[in-house]
């Protein structure tokens, strides 16, 4: 089996508003859509998409090393 493309890549975050603002306001990626009442947005990346998903309790990389 050989992959011929990618539809979208999902990224989860506990800082949804900051992540969305970075991709939309700083990188200026156009929004393709989302789900009303949910912390989910799809962003256009030249024919592919990034799905940003807000979730509480997403672990911060390296957080367990700070104890």
N, C-alpha and C. Protein backbone atom coordinates (compact mmCIF):
# COMPACT_ATOMS: atom_id res chain seq x y z
N UNK A 1 0.84 -1.18 0.00
CA UNK A 1 0.00 0.00 0.00
C UNK A 1 0.89 1.24 0.00
N UNK A 2 0.51 2.22 -0.80
CA UNK A 2 1.27 3.44 -0.91
C UNK A 2 0.33 4.63 -0.68
N UNK A 3 0.73 5.52 0.22
CA UNK A 3 -0.07 6.73 0.46
C UNK A 3 0.06 7.66 -0.73
N UNK A 4 -1.06 8.22 -1.18
CA UNK A 4 -1.02 9.13 -2.32
C UNK A 4 -1.36 10.56 -1.94
N UNK A 5 -1.64 10.81 -0.67
CA UNK A 5 -1.95 12.16 -0.24
C UNK A 5 -2.39 12.21 1.20
N UNK A 6 -2.60 13.41 1.67
CA UNK A 6 -3.04 13.66 3.04
C UNK A 6 -4.25 14.59 2.96
N UNK A 7 -5.32 14.23 3.64
CA UNK A 7 -6.50 15.10 3.68
C UNK A 7 -6.32 16.20 4.70
N UNK A 8 -6.00 15.81 5.95
CA UNK A 8 -5.74 16.80 6.98
C UNK A 8 -4.92 16.20 8.11
N UNK A 9 -4.33 17.07 8.90
CA UNK A 9 -3.58 16.70 10.09
C UNK A 9 -4.24 17.37 11.27
N UNK A 10 -4.49 16.63 12.34
CA UNK A 10 -5.14 17.18 13.53
C UNK A 10 -4.09 17.49 14.60
N UNK A 11 -4.27 18.64 15.24
CA UNK A 11 -3.40 19.06 16.33
C UNK A 11 -4.30 19.37 17.52
N UNK A 12 -4.03 18.74 18.67
CA UNK A 12 -4.81 19.04 19.87
C UNK A 12 -4.05 20.01 20.76
N UNK A 13 -4.80 20.84 21.47
CA UNK A 13 -4.18 21.85 22.32
C UNK A 13 -5.10 22.18 23.50
N UNK A 14 -4.49 22.54 24.60
CA UNK A 14 -5.28 23.05 25.74
C UNK A 14 -5.37 24.58 25.68
N UNK A 15 -4.74 25.19 24.67
CA UNK A 15 -4.77 26.64 24.47
C UNK A 15 -5.36 26.95 23.09
N UNK A 16 -6.62 26.54 22.91
CA UNK A 16 -7.26 26.65 21.60
C UNK A 16 -7.24 28.07 21.03
N UNK A 17 -7.63 29.05 21.82
CA UNK A 17 -7.70 30.42 21.32
C UNK A 17 -6.33 30.93 20.87
N UNK A 18 -5.29 30.62 21.63
CA UNK A 18 -3.94 31.04 21.26
C UNK A 18 -3.47 30.33 19.99
N UNK A 19 -3.76 29.03 19.88
CA UNK A 19 -3.35 28.27 18.71
C UNK A 19 -4.08 28.76 17.46
N UNK A 20 -5.39 28.98 17.57
CA UNK A 20 -6.16 29.48 16.44
C UNK A 20 -5.65 30.85 16.02
N UNK A 21 -5.41 31.72 16.99
CA UNK A 21 -4.91 33.07 16.68
C UNK A 21 -3.55 33.01 15.98
N UNK A 22 -2.69 32.10 16.39
CA UNK A 22 -1.38 31.98 15.76
C UNK A 22 -1.53 31.60 14.28
N UNK A 23 -2.30 30.55 14.01
CA UNK A 23 -2.45 30.09 12.64
C UNK A 23 -3.22 31.09 11.77
N UNK A 24 -4.25 31.73 12.32
CA UNK A 24 -5.09 32.64 11.53
C UNK A 24 -4.51 34.05 11.47
N UNK A 25 -4.14 34.61 12.61
CA UNK A 25 -3.70 36.01 12.65
C UNK A 25 -2.23 36.19 12.30
N UNK A 26 -1.37 35.27 12.75
CA UNK A 26 0.06 35.41 12.50
C UNK A 26 0.44 34.80 11.15
N UNK A 27 0.08 33.53 10.94
CA UNK A 27 0.43 32.85 9.69
C UNK A 27 -0.54 33.16 8.55
N UNK A 28 -1.70 33.73 8.90
CA UNK A 28 -2.73 34.12 7.94
C UNK A 28 -3.27 32.95 7.11
N UNK A 29 -3.44 31.80 7.75
CA UNK A 29 -4.06 30.66 7.07
C UNK A 29 -5.57 30.87 7.04
N UNK A 30 -6.20 30.69 5.89
CA UNK A 30 -7.65 30.87 5.81
C UNK A 30 -8.40 29.75 6.52
N UNK A 31 -9.48 30.13 7.20
CA UNK A 31 -10.32 29.15 7.87
C UNK A 31 -11.25 28.50 6.85
N UNK A 32 -11.30 27.17 6.89
CA UNK A 32 -12.20 26.42 6.01
C UNK A 32 -13.54 26.17 6.67
N UNK A 33 -13.56 26.10 8.00
CA UNK A 33 -14.79 25.84 8.72
C UNK A 33 -14.50 25.31 10.10
N UNK A 34 -15.53 24.82 10.75
CA UNK A 34 -15.43 24.28 12.09
C UNK A 34 -16.77 23.73 12.51
N UNK A 35 -16.93 23.53 13.81
CA UNK A 35 -18.17 23.01 14.36
C UNK A 35 -18.69 23.97 15.41
N UNK A 36 -19.92 24.44 15.24
CA UNK A 36 -20.53 25.38 16.16
C UNK A 36 -20.58 24.80 17.57
N UNK A 37 -20.14 25.58 18.53
CA UNK A 37 -20.16 25.16 19.92
C UNK A 37 -19.01 24.26 20.32
N UNK A 38 -18.11 23.97 19.40
CA UNK A 38 -16.96 23.11 19.68
C UNK A 38 -15.67 23.89 19.43
N UNK A 39 -14.62 23.50 20.09
CA UNK A 39 -13.31 24.10 19.85
C UNK A 39 -12.60 23.30 18.75
N UNK A 40 -13.11 23.44 17.54
CA UNK A 40 -12.55 22.76 16.37
C UNK A 40 -12.60 23.71 15.20
N UNK A 41 -11.48 23.87 14.52
CA UNK A 41 -11.43 24.70 13.33
C UNK A 41 -10.51 24.02 12.31
N UNK A 42 -10.91 24.13 11.03
CA UNK A 42 -10.10 23.61 9.94
C UNK A 42 -9.48 24.78 9.19
N UNK A 43 -8.18 24.69 8.92
CA UNK A 43 -7.45 25.76 8.26
C UNK A 43 -6.83 25.26 6.97
N UNK A 44 -6.88 26.08 5.93
CA UNK A 44 -6.34 25.70 4.62
C UNK A 44 -4.83 25.85 4.60
N UNK A 45 -4.16 24.81 4.13
CA UNK A 45 -2.71 24.84 3.98
C UNK A 45 -2.38 24.36 2.57
N UNK A 46 -2.77 25.15 1.58
CA UNK A 46 -2.45 24.83 0.20
C UNK A 46 -3.02 23.52 -0.31
N UNK A 47 -4.29 23.30 -0.13
CA UNK A 47 -4.93 22.08 -0.62
C UNK A 47 -5.05 20.98 0.41
N UNK A 48 -4.39 21.13 1.52
CA UNK A 48 -4.54 20.23 2.67
C UNK A 48 -5.10 21.07 3.81
N UNK A 49 -5.32 20.45 4.95
CA UNK A 49 -5.88 21.21 6.06
C UNK A 49 -5.22 20.82 7.38
N UNK A 50 -5.19 21.79 8.28
CA UNK A 50 -4.82 21.55 9.67
C UNK A 50 -6.11 21.67 10.47
N UNK A 51 -6.39 20.67 11.28
CA UNK A 51 -7.55 20.69 12.18
C UNK A 51 -7.02 20.99 13.58
N UNK A 52 -7.41 22.12 14.13
CA UNK A 52 -7.01 22.49 15.49
C UNK A 52 -8.17 22.12 16.41
N UNK A 53 -7.87 21.29 17.42
CA UNK A 53 -8.88 20.79 18.34
C UNK A 53 -8.50 21.19 19.76
N UNK A 54 -9.39 21.92 20.42
CA UNK A 54 -9.16 22.28 21.81
C UNK A 54 -9.64 21.17 22.73
N UNK A 55 -8.76 20.75 23.63
CA UNK A 55 -9.11 19.71 24.60
C UNK A 55 -8.49 20.06 25.94
N UNK A 56 -9.28 19.97 27.00
CA UNK A 56 -8.76 20.19 28.34
C UNK A 56 -7.85 19.02 28.71
N UNK A 57 -6.81 19.32 29.43
CA UNK A 57 -5.95 18.27 29.95
C UNK A 57 -4.95 17.70 28.96
N UNK A 58 -4.73 18.39 27.83
CA UNK A 58 -3.71 17.93 26.90
C UNK A 58 -2.36 18.12 27.59
N UNK A 59 -1.56 17.07 27.68
CA UNK A 59 -0.28 17.20 28.40
C UNK A 59 0.68 18.15 27.69
N UNK A 60 1.41 18.91 28.48
CA UNK A 60 2.43 19.81 27.95
C UNK A 60 3.71 19.00 27.78
N UNK A 61 4.33 19.01 26.59
CA UNK A 61 5.55 18.25 26.38
C UNK A 61 6.61 18.59 27.42
N UNK A 62 7.18 17.58 28.02
CA UNK A 62 8.24 17.77 29.01
C UNK A 62 7.74 18.10 30.40
N UNK A 63 6.41 18.24 30.59
CA UNK A 63 5.87 18.63 31.90
C UNK A 63 6.24 17.62 32.98
N UNK A 64 6.27 16.35 32.64
CA UNK A 64 6.60 15.32 33.63
C UNK A 64 8.07 15.41 34.07
N UNK A 65 8.91 16.08 33.28
CA UNK A 65 10.33 16.20 33.62
C UNK A 65 10.58 17.34 34.60
N UNK A 66 9.56 18.17 34.85
CA UNK A 66 9.74 19.36 35.68
C UNK A 66 9.46 19.12 37.15
N UNK A 67 9.09 17.93 37.52
CA UNK A 67 8.72 17.65 38.91
C UNK A 67 9.88 17.72 39.85
